Amino acid sequence: MKEIPDFDKIIKIRTKFDNLLTEFTQEKEKNEKEKKLVEDKHKKAMKILEKKMIEEIQQLKSEHENEIKNLKEYFQQLIDEKIKEIKTKEKQKIGVSTSEIKKLGNIGVNFVQIKNKWSSIESKCCSNECINTEKPVGTCIEGNGFANLVDEENIKYIIGEGKVKTW
């Protein structure tokens, strides 16, 4: 036969079970609270870390912008100095050129008119040499064009009727 358990024992066991269950629930709640606290601390730490990183990035960005600005100013200064130097050299060159032009302008230039003198007729009017140095005036038998030496300074060009125009 079966033994009938003692109610006192059952009640003690039941009470012990309820106590353990309560203790388990409390531990579970405590663990959840601690977990939440740890998560909250982690989130806060992440936010602080993120904020510090953003600040450092902003600081680096600001420093780089300042460096870029300083470099731009430096290069602009170099460019301005070079332009000033070039302008100074150009002014000096212009001054030297102007003084040379003035010197050349002050030099008296005298032009002497020299009249052309024709002493000979080199080309032949034809094979007969109708017009030559000894006889500079006349017409060609074959009708070619030629130059008549009018005087020592003037030449009169006459176009002939022949096929050959040597002048």
Protein backbone atom coordinates (compact mmCIF):
# COMPACT_ATOMS: atom_id res chain seq x y z
CA MET A 1 0.00 0.00 0.00
CA LYS A 2 0.84 3.44 -0.44
CA GLU A 3 1.94 5.63 2.20
CA ILE A 4 0.03 8.77 2.72
CA PRO A 5 2.29 11.68 2.82
CA ASP A 6 2.28 13.88 5.72
CA PHE A 7 0.52 17.17 5.11
CA ASP A 8 3.04 19.02 7.14
CA LYS A 9 5.79 17.78 4.89
CA ILE A 10 3.77 18.69 1.83
CA ILE A 11 3.10 22.13 3.18
CA LYS A 12 6.78 22.58 4.00
CA ILE A 13 7.75 21.43 0.53
CA ARG A 14 5.08 23.65 -0.98
CA THR A 15 6.25 26.59 1.08
CA LYS A 16 9.86 25.88 0.17
CA PHE A 17 8.85 25.66 -3.50
CA ASP A 18 6.93 28.94 -3.31
CA ASN A 19 9.88 30.57 -1.59
CA LEU A 20 12.26 29.28 -4.26
CA LEU A 21 9.87 30.44 -6.98
CA THR A 22 9.65 33.89 -5.40
CA GLU A 23 13.40 34.00 -4.99
CA PHE A 24 13.85 32.93 -8.62
CA THR A 25 11.44 35.63 -9.82
CA GLN A 26 13.22 38.24 -7.72
CA GLU A 27 16.59 37.16 -9.09
CA LYS A 28 15.20 37.25 -12.60
CA GLU A 29 13.85 40.78 -12.10
CA LYS A 30 17.13 41.80 -10.48
CA ASN A 31 19.06 40.40 -13.46
CA GLU A 32 16.77 42.20 -15.92
CA LYS A 33 17.26 45.48 -14.03
CA GLU A 34 21.01 44.98 -13.97
CA LYS A 35 20.96 44.09 -17.65
CA LYS A 36 19.00 47.26 -18.39
CA LEU A 37 21.41 49.30 -16.26
CA VAL A 38 24.38 47.81 -18.11
CA GLU A 39 22.71 48.53 -21.46
CA ASP A 40 21.93 52.09 -20.39
CA LYS A 41 25.53 52.58 -19.22
CA HIS A 42 26.74 51.14 -22.52
CA LYS A 43 24.47 53.49 -24.50
CA LYS A 44 25.66 56.47 -22.45
CA ALA A 45 29.27 55.46 -22.93
CA MET A 46 28.69 55.07 -26.69
CA LYS A 47 27.03 58.50 -26.85
CA ILE A 48 29.92 60.06 -24.93
CA LEU A 49 32.44 58.31 -27.17
CA GLU A 50 30.53 59.37 -30.29
CA LYS A 51 30.39 62.95 -29.03
CA LYS A 52 34.15 62.95 -28.35
CA MET A 53 34.85 61.53 -31.80
CA ILE A 54 32.66 64.18 -33.43
CA GLU A 55 34.45 66.89 -31.44
CA GLU A 56 37.86 65.53 -32.47
CA ILE A 57 36.76 65.34 -36.09
CA GLN A 58 35.49 68.93 -35.93
CA GLN A 59 38.75 70.04 -34.33
CA LEU A 60 40.81 68.29 -37.02
CA LYS A 61 38.57 69.74 -39.71
CA SER A 62 38.98 73.21 -38.22
CA GLU A 63 42.76 72.78 -38.03
CA HIS A 64 42.89 71.60 -41.64
CA GLU A 65 40.71 74.48 -42.77
CA ASN A 66 43.08 76.87 -40.99
CA GLU A 67 46.08 75.21 -42.64
CA ILE A 68 44.39 75.44 -46.04
CA LYS A 69 43.54 79.08 -45.43
CA ASN A 70 47.14 79.82 -44.38
CA LEU A 71 48.50 78.02 -47.46
CA LYS A 72 46.14 79.96 -49.73
CA GLU A 73 47.26 83.22 -48.15
CA TYR A 74 50.92 82.20 -48.49
CA PHE A 75 50.53 81.28 -52.16
CA GLN A 76 48.59 84.47 -52.86
CA GLN A 77 51.37 86.44 -51.20
CA LEU A 78 53.97 84.65 -53.36
CA ILE A 79 51.91 85.33 -56.48
CA ASP A 80 51.52 89.01 -55.56
CA GLU A 81 55.26 89.34 -54.92
CA LYS A 82 56.08 87.67 -58.24
CA ILE A 83 53.63 89.94 -60.08
CA LYS A 84 55.14 92.98 -58.38
CA GLU A 85 58.64 91.80 -59.33
CA ILE A 86 57.60 91.24 -62.95
CA LYS A 87 55.93 94.66 -63.12
CA THR A 88 59.06 96.29 -61.69
CA LYS A 89 61.26 94.53 -64.27
CA GLU A 90 58.87 95.51 -67.06
CA LYS A 91 58.90 99.14 -65.91
CA GLN A 92 62.70 99.06 -65.90
CA LYS A 93 62.77 97.56 -69.39
CA ILE A 94 60.26 100.14 -70.61
CA GLY A 95 62.35 102.90 -69.02
CA VAL A 96 65.52 101.64 -70.69
CA SER A 97 63.73 101.26 -74.02
CA THR A 98 62.22 104.73 -73.72
CA SER A 99 65.61 106.28 -72.97
CA GLU A 100 67.15 104.45 -75.94
CA ILE A 101 64.33 105.66 -78.18
CA LYS A 102 64.86 109.21 -76.93
CA LYS A 103 68.59 108.90 -77.62
CA LEU A 104 67.85 107.66 -81.11
CA GLY A 105 65.31 110.45 -81.57
CA ASN A 106 67.89 113.04 -80.57
CA ILE A 107 70.38 111.82 -83.14
CA GLY A 108 70.05 113.95 -86.21
CA VAL A 109 69.25 111.97 -89.30
CA ASN A 110 70.08 113.56 -92.60
CA PHE A 111 68.80 112.05 -95.77
CA VAL A 112 70.68 112.80 -98.95
CA GLN A 113 68.71 112.36 -102.09
CA ILE A 114 70.67 110.46 -104.68
CA LYS A 115 69.23 110.40 -108.13
CA ASN A 116 69.40 107.19 -110.09
CA LYS A 117 71.70 107.22 -113.01
CA TRP A 118 71.26 104.75 -115.78
CA SER A 119 74.35 104.05 -117.68
CA SER A 120 73.48 100.95 -119.60
CA ILE A 121 70.66 98.85 -120.97
CA GLU A 122 71.39 95.23 -120.17
CA SER A 123 68.53 93.43 -121.91
CA LYS A 124 68.24 93.13 -125.62
CA CYS A 125 65.03 93.97 -127.40
CA CYS A 126 65.73 91.31 -130.01
CA SER A 127 68.66 89.55 -131.68
CA ASN A 128 69.29 92.65 -133.81
CA GLU A 129 69.92 94.79 -130.69
CA CYS A 130 67.95 97.72 -132.07
CA ILE A 131 68.01 99.43 -128.64
CA ASN A 132 71.34 99.35 -126.76
CA THR A 133 73.47 101.50 -124.48
CA GLU A 134 74.86 103.56 -127.34
CA LYS A 135 71.44 104.00 -128.92
CA PRO A 136 68.98 104.09 -125.97
CA VAL A 137 66.21 105.75 -127.93
CA GLY A 138 64.36 104.15 -130.80
CA THR A 139 62.05 101.34 -131.77
CA CYS A 140 62.63 97.64 -132.12
CA ILE A 141 62.44 96.28 -135.66
CA GLU A 142 60.60 93.17 -134.44
CA GLY A 143 58.13 95.20 -132.30
CA ASN A 144 59.25 93.99 -128.84
CA GLY A 145 58.77 96.12 -125.76
CA PHE A 146 61.74 98.05 -124.46
CA ALA A 147 62.85 100.91 -122.25
CA ASN A 148 63.98 104.22 -123.64
CA LEU A 149 66.56 106.03 -121.54
CA VAL A 150 65.13 109.57 -121.61
CA ASP A 151 67.93 111.16 -119.57
CA GLU A 152 70.30 109.94 -116.86
CA GLU A 153 67.45 109.71 -114.33
CA ASN A 154 64.31 108.74 -116.18
CA ILE A 155 63.29 105.66 -118.10
CA LYS A 156 60.29 105.42 -120.35
CA TYR A 157 58.89 101.88 -120.77
CA ILE A 158 57.35 101.18 -124.12
CA ILE A 159 55.28 98.04 -124.67
CA GLY A 160 55.94 96.57 -128.06
CA GLU A 161 53.64 94.68 -130.36
CA GLY A 162 55.79 91.54 -130.59
CA LYS A 163 55.30 88.28 -128.79
CA VAL A 164 58.26 88.51 -126.41
CA LYS A 165 58.04 90.98 -123.51
CA THR A 166 61.39 90.86 -121.81
CA TRP A 167 60.91 93.90 -119.58
